[in-house]
């Protein structure tokens, strides 16, 4: 028994002998769609126009995840703020903001036996 496949244009729903599966690429990804000859011409023209814009554009890096409350301390059970307070009180040089050096963390852990090294 023979089967007849009728392709339907994914854009306008038309049927016809000119409707075919069409592959196209955008930004290093390949897509497929069923299109008539006329809609494929439109797609091709749109892609050519898009290429002009992409050639002149600069990629944007995705936004990073926001941080809540700053970076996690490298010692479990204590915050970075507590490590900074201890360092200042102990006369250990520490920045007001930003990364705390590994040496400061090591000194903190030495004087706080309950402080377990964290991530």
N, C-alpha and C. Protein backbone atom coordinates (compact mmCIF):
# COMPACT_ATOMS: atom_id res chain seq x y z
N UNK A 1 0.85 -1.17 0.00
CA UNK A 1 0.00 0.00 0.00
C UNK A 1 0.90 1.24 0.00
N UNK A 2 0.58 2.18 -0.80
CA UNK A 2 1.36 3.42 -0.92
C UNK A 2 0.80 4.47 0.02
N UNK A 3 1.69 5.30 0.50
CA UNK A 3 1.29 6.42 1.34
C UNK A 3 1.67 7.70 0.64
N UNK A 4 0.85 8.70 0.82
CA UNK A 4 1.12 9.99 0.23
C UNK A 4 1.43 10.97 1.36
N UNK A 5 2.57 11.62 1.27
CA UNK A 5 2.95 12.60 2.28
C UNK A 5 2.65 13.98 1.73
N UNK A 6 1.90 14.72 2.51
CA UNK A 6 1.58 16.09 2.13
C UNK A 6 2.30 17.02 3.09
N UNK A 7 3.21 17.80 2.55
CA UNK A 7 3.92 18.77 3.38
C UNK A 7 3.11 20.06 3.45
N UNK A 8 3.13 20.64 4.66
CA UNK A 8 2.40 21.89 4.89
C UNK A 8 3.42 22.94 5.30
N UNK A 9 3.34 24.10 4.67
CA UNK A 9 4.25 25.21 4.98
C UNK A 9 4.03 25.62 6.43
N UNK A 10 5.12 25.65 7.21
CA UNK A 10 5.02 25.97 8.63
C UNK A 10 4.68 27.44 8.88
N UNK A 11 4.85 28.30 7.90
CA UNK A 11 4.57 29.72 8.08
C UNK A 11 3.13 30.07 7.74
N UNK A 12 2.66 29.68 6.55
CA UNK A 12 1.31 30.10 6.14
C UNK A 12 0.30 28.96 6.02
N UNK A 13 0.74 27.73 6.29
CA UNK A 13 -0.20 26.59 6.26
C UNK A 13 -0.56 26.11 4.88
N UNK A 14 0.08 26.64 3.84
CA UNK A 14 -0.26 26.21 2.48
C UNK A 14 0.32 24.83 2.19
N UNK A 15 -0.35 24.14 1.26
CA UNK A 15 0.13 22.84 0.79
C UNK A 15 0.52 23.00 -0.66
N UNK A 16 1.46 22.20 -1.11
CA UNK A 16 1.83 22.27 -2.52
C UNK A 16 3.04 21.42 -2.78
N UNK A 17 3.29 21.20 -4.05
CA UNK A 17 4.43 20.36 -4.43
C UNK A 17 5.76 21.07 -4.17
N UNK A 18 5.70 22.40 -3.99
CA UNK A 18 6.94 23.15 -3.74
C UNK A 18 7.30 23.22 -2.25
N UNK A 19 6.44 22.72 -1.38
CA UNK A 19 6.74 22.74 0.06
C UNK A 19 7.73 21.61 0.35
N UNK A 20 8.83 22.00 0.99
CA UNK A 20 9.88 21.02 1.30
C UNK A 20 10.52 21.35 2.64
N UNK A 21 11.20 20.36 3.19
CA UNK A 21 11.96 20.57 4.42
C UNK A 21 13.20 21.37 4.06
N UNK A 22 13.39 22.51 4.72
CA UNK A 22 14.50 23.40 4.41
C UNK A 22 15.37 23.57 5.67
N UNK A 23 16.65 23.33 5.52
CA UNK A 23 17.59 23.53 6.62
C UNK A 23 18.25 24.89 6.46
N UNK A 24 18.52 25.57 7.58
CA UNK A 24 19.24 26.83 7.54
C UNK A 24 20.02 27.01 8.84
N UNK A 25 21.07 27.79 8.76
CA UNK A 25 21.92 28.00 9.92
C UNK A 25 21.89 29.43 10.40
N UNK A 26 21.92 29.58 11.72
CA UNK A 26 21.98 30.89 12.36
C UNK A 26 22.90 30.77 13.57
N UNK A 27 23.94 31.57 13.62
CA UNK A 27 24.86 31.61 14.76
C UNK A 27 25.33 30.23 15.19
N UNK A 28 25.84 29.50 14.22
CA UNK A 28 26.43 28.17 14.44
C UNK A 28 25.43 27.12 14.93
N UNK A 29 24.15 27.34 14.68
CA UNK A 29 23.11 26.34 14.98
C UNK A 29 22.34 26.07 13.70
N UNK A 30 21.91 24.83 13.50
CA UNK A 30 21.16 24.46 12.32
C UNK A 30 19.72 24.20 12.70
N UNK A 31 18.80 24.73 11.91
CA UNK A 31 17.37 24.57 12.11
C UNK A 31 16.77 23.97 10.85
N UNK A 32 15.58 23.39 10.98
CA UNK A 32 14.86 22.88 9.81
C UNK A 32 13.42 23.34 9.90
N UNK A 33 12.81 23.55 8.75
CA UNK A 33 11.44 24.04 8.69
C UNK A 33 10.85 23.65 7.34
N UNK A 34 9.57 23.39 7.28
CA UNK A 34 8.88 23.10 6.01
C UNK A 34 8.41 24.42 5.42
N UNK A 35 8.90 24.73 4.21
CA UNK A 35 8.56 26.00 3.56
C UNK A 35 8.31 25.81 2.08
N UNK A 36 7.41 26.64 1.55
CA UNK A 36 7.22 26.71 0.11
C UNK A 36 8.40 27.46 -0.49
N UNK A 37 8.51 27.42 -1.82
CA UNK A 37 9.60 28.13 -2.48
C UNK A 37 9.56 29.63 -2.15
N UNK A 38 8.36 30.21 -2.16
CA UNK A 38 8.21 31.65 -1.89
C UNK A 38 8.65 32.00 -0.47
N UNK A 39 8.21 31.23 0.52
CA UNK A 39 8.61 31.51 1.90
C UNK A 39 10.10 31.22 2.13
N UNK A 40 10.65 30.26 1.38
CA UNK A 40 12.09 29.99 1.50
C UNK A 40 12.90 31.17 0.96
N UNK A 41 12.41 31.79 -0.12
CA UNK A 41 13.07 32.98 -0.67
C UNK A 41 13.06 34.10 0.37
N UNK A 42 11.92 34.27 1.07
CA UNK A 42 11.83 35.29 2.11
C UNK A 42 12.81 35.00 3.25
N UNK A 43 12.86 33.74 3.67
CA UNK A 43 13.79 33.35 4.73
C UNK A 43 15.23 33.63 4.31
N UNK A 44 15.58 33.26 3.11
CA UNK A 44 16.95 33.47 2.61
C UNK A 44 17.30 34.95 2.60
N UNK A 45 16.37 35.79 2.15
CA UNK A 45 16.60 37.23 2.13
C UNK A 45 16.77 37.77 3.55
N UNK A 46 15.96 37.28 4.47
CA UNK A 46 16.06 37.72 5.86
C UNK A 46 17.40 37.31 6.46
N UNK A 47 17.85 36.10 6.16
CA UNK A 47 19.14 35.63 6.69
C UNK A 47 20.29 36.44 6.13
N UNK A 48 20.21 36.81 4.85
CA UNK A 48 21.26 37.64 4.25
C UNK A 48 21.32 39.00 4.95
N UNK A 49 20.16 39.59 5.22
CA UNK A 49 20.11 40.86 5.94
C UNK A 49 20.67 40.70 7.34
N UNK A 50 20.29 39.64 8.00
CA UNK A 50 20.75 39.37 9.37
C UNK A 50 22.27 39.24 9.41
N UNK A 51 22.85 38.59 8.40
CA UNK A 51 24.30 38.42 8.34
C UNK A 51 25.02 39.77 8.31
N UNK A 52 24.44 40.76 7.64
CA UNK A 52 25.03 42.10 7.60
C UNK A 52 25.11 42.70 9.00
N UNK A 53 24.05 42.53 9.77
CA UNK A 53 24.01 43.07 11.13
C UNK A 53 24.95 42.30 12.06
N UNK A 54 24.93 40.99 11.95
CA UNK A 54 25.78 40.16 12.81
C UNK A 54 27.25 40.45 12.55
N UNK A 55 27.60 40.68 11.29
CA UNK A 55 29.00 40.97 10.95
C UNK A 55 29.49 42.25 11.62
N UNK A 56 28.61 43.19 11.87
CA UNK A 56 28.99 44.47 12.49
C UNK A 56 28.79 44.49 14.00
N UNK A 57 28.08 43.51 14.52
CA UNK A 57 27.74 43.50 15.94
C UNK A 57 28.86 42.89 16.79
N UNK A 58 28.83 43.19 18.08
CA UNK A 58 29.78 42.64 19.04
C UNK A 58 29.00 41.75 20.02
N UNK A 59 29.47 40.52 20.23
CA UNK A 59 28.75 39.63 21.15
C UNK A 59 28.74 40.20 22.58
N UNK A 60 27.66 39.95 23.28
CA UNK A 60 27.51 40.36 24.67
C UNK A 60 27.59 39.12 25.54
N UNK A 61 28.42 39.19 26.58
CA UNK A 61 28.53 38.05 27.49
C UNK A 61 27.26 37.98 28.32
N UNK A 62 26.81 36.74 28.63
CA UNK A 62 25.62 36.61 29.48
C UNK A 62 25.88 37.21 30.85
N UNK A 63 24.85 37.78 31.43
CA UNK A 63 24.99 38.36 32.76
C UNK A 63 25.26 37.25 33.77
N UNK A 64 26.11 37.55 34.73
CA UNK A 64 26.41 36.58 35.77
C UNK A 64 25.30 36.55 36.80
N UNK A 65 25.33 35.56 37.61
CA UNK A 65 24.34 35.48 38.69
C UNK A 65 24.66 36.54 39.71
N UNK A 66 23.62 37.19 40.20
CA UNK A 66 23.82 38.20 41.24
C UNK A 66 24.29 37.55 42.53
N UNK A 67 25.04 38.31 43.27
CA UNK A 67 25.52 37.77 44.54
C UNK A 67 24.69 38.37 45.66
N UNK A 68 24.31 37.53 46.59
CA UNK A 68 23.57 37.98 47.76
C UNK A 68 24.51 37.95 48.94
N UNK A 69 24.75 39.11 49.51
CA UNK A 69 25.56 39.17 50.71
C UNK A 69 27.04 38.95 50.49
N UNK A 70 27.51 39.06 49.28
CA UNK A 70 28.94 38.91 49.01
C UNK A 70 29.33 37.47 48.84
N UNK A 71 30.61 37.26 48.66
CA UNK A 71 31.13 35.91 48.43
C UNK A 71 31.10 35.10 49.72
N UNK A 72 30.98 33.81 49.57
CA UNK A 72 30.98 32.92 50.73
C UNK A 72 32.38 32.88 51.33
N UNK A 73 32.42 32.79 52.65
CA UNK A 73 33.71 32.72 53.33
C UNK A 73 34.35 31.36 53.06
N UNK A 74 35.67 31.33 53.14
CA UNK A 74 36.39 30.08 52.93
C UNK A 74 36.48 29.28 54.22
N UNK A 75 35.74 29.69 55.23
CA UNK A 75 35.69 28.92 56.48
C UNK A 75 34.22 28.70 56.83
N UNK A 76 33.90 27.48 57.19
CA UNK A 76 32.52 27.16 57.54
C UNK A 76 32.21 27.69 58.94
N UNK A 77 31.04 28.25 59.07
CA UNK A 77 30.59 28.73 60.37
C UNK A 77 30.88 30.20 60.61
N UNK A 78 31.59 30.86 59.70
CA UNK A 78 31.92 32.27 59.85
C UNK A 78 31.70 32.99 58.53
N UNK A 79 31.37 34.26 58.61
CA UNK A 79 31.20 35.07 57.41
C UNK A 79 32.51 35.79 57.09
N UNK A 80 32.61 36.30 55.88
CA UNK A 80 33.78 37.10 55.52
C UNK A 80 33.89 38.34 56.41
N UNK A 81 32.74 38.90 56.78
CA UNK A 81 32.74 40.06 57.67
C UNK A 81 33.38 39.73 59.01
N UNK A 82 33.06 38.56 59.54
CA UNK A 82 33.64 38.14 60.82
C UNK A 82 35.15 37.90 60.68
N UNK A 83 35.57 37.34 59.56
CA UNK A 83 37.00 37.13 59.33
C UNK A 83 37.70 38.48 59.26
N UNK A 84 37.12 39.46 58.58
CA UNK A 84 37.71 40.80 58.48
C UNK A 84 37.80 41.47 59.85
N UNK A 85 36.71 41.38 60.64
CA UNK A 85 36.72 41.97 61.98
C UNK A 85 37.83 41.37 62.83
N UNK A 86 37.97 40.05 62.79
CA UNK A 86 39.02 39.39 63.56
C UNK A 86 40.39 39.88 63.10
N UNK A 87 40.59 39.95 61.76
CA UNK A 87 41.89 40.35 61.22
C UNK A 87 42.25 41.76 61.68
N UNK A 88 41.29 42.68 61.62
CA UNK A 88 41.56 44.06 62.05
C UNK A 88 41.92 44.09 63.53
N UNK A 89 41.15 43.39 64.34
CA UNK A 89 41.40 43.36 65.79
C UNK A 89 42.74 42.72 66.12
N UNK A 90 43.16 41.75 65.31
CA UNK A 90 44.42 41.04 65.54
C UNK A 90 45.61 41.74 64.89
N UNK A 91 45.36 42.86 64.21
CA UNK A 91 46.44 43.59 63.57
C UNK A 91 46.91 42.96 62.26
N UNK A 92 46.08 42.09 61.69
CA UNK A 92 46.42 41.45 60.42
C UNK A 92 45.87 42.33 59.31
N UNK A 93 46.69 42.62 58.33
CA UNK A 93 46.26 43.49 57.22
C UNK A 93 45.24 42.76 56.35
N UNK A 94 44.10 43.41 56.15
CA UNK A 94 43.02 42.84 55.34
C UNK A 94 42.31 43.98 54.60
N UNK A 95 41.88 43.73 53.38
CA UNK A 95 41.19 44.76 52.61
C UNK A 95 39.77 44.97 53.15
N UNK A 96 39.27 46.18 52.94
CA UNK A 96 37.90 46.49 53.38
C UNK A 96 36.86 45.73 52.55
N UNK A 97 37.20 45.55 51.28
CA UNK A 97 36.28 44.87 50.36
C UNK A 97 37.10 43.97 49.45
N UNK A 98 36.41 43.08 48.76
CA UNK A 98 37.08 42.23 47.79
C UNK A 98 37.58 40.94 48.40
N UNK A 99 38.51 40.34 47.71
CA UNK A 99 39.02 39.02 48.08
C UNK A 99 39.85 39.10 49.35
N UNK A 100 39.64 38.13 50.24
CA UNK A 100 40.46 37.98 51.43
C UNK A 100 41.55 36.97 51.08
N UNK A 101 42.79 37.31 51.42
CA UNK A 101 43.90 36.44 51.03
C UNK A 101 43.85 35.10 51.77
N UNK A 102 44.45 34.08 51.14
CA UNK A 102 44.51 32.76 51.75
C UNK A 102 45.28 32.80 53.06
N UNK A 103 46.27 33.69 53.16
CA UNK A 103 47.06 33.80 54.40
C UNK A 103 46.19 34.27 55.56
N UNK A 104 45.28 35.20 55.30
CA UNK A 104 44.38 35.70 56.35
C UNK A 104 43.46 34.56 56.80
N UNK A 105 42.91 33.82 55.83
CA UNK A 105 42.05 32.68 56.19
C UNK A 105 42.84 31.67 57.03
N UNK A 106 44.07 31.37 56.64
CA UNK A 106 44.88 30.39 57.36
C UNK A 106 45.12 30.85 58.80
N UNK A 107 45.44 32.13 58.98
CA UNK A 107 45.66 32.67 60.33
C UNK A 107 44.38 32.61 61.15
N UNK A 108 43.26 32.90 60.51
CA UNK A 108 41.97 32.85 61.20
C UNK A 108 41.69 31.44 61.69
N UNK A 109 41.89 30.46 60.82
CA UNK A 109 41.63 29.06 61.17
C UNK A 109 42.54 28.60 62.30
N UNK A 110 43.79 29.06 62.30
CA UNK A 110 44.72 28.70 63.38
C UNK A 110 44.22 29.16 64.74
N UNK A 111 43.62 30.35 64.78
CA UNK A 111 43.17 30.90 66.06
C UNK A 111 41.72 30.55 66.39
N UNK A 112 41.05 29.89 65.49
CA UNK A 112 39.66 29.47 65.69
C UNK A 112 39.54 27.98 65.40
N UNK A 113 39.79 27.13 66.40
CA UNK A 113 39.78 25.68 66.17
C UNK A 113 38.43 25.17 65.64
N UNK A 114 37.35 25.88 65.93
CA UNK A 114 36.03 25.44 65.45
C UNK A 114 35.78 25.84 63.99
N UNK A 115 36.64 26.62 63.40
CA UNK A 115 36.46 27.07 62.01
C UNK A 115 37.01 26.01 61.07
N UNK A 116 36.13 25.38 60.36
CA UNK A 116 36.54 24.36 59.40
C UNK A 116 36.77 25.01 58.05
N UNK A 117 37.84 24.60 57.36
CA UNK A 117 38.03 25.15 56.02
C UNK A 117 36.80 24.88 55.15
N UNK A 118 36.39 25.92 54.41
CA UNK A 118 35.21 25.78 53.54
C UNK A 118 35.59 25.61 52.11
N UNK A 119 34.64 26.01 51.23
CA UNK A 119 34.83 25.83 49.79
C UNK A 119 35.88 26.73 49.23
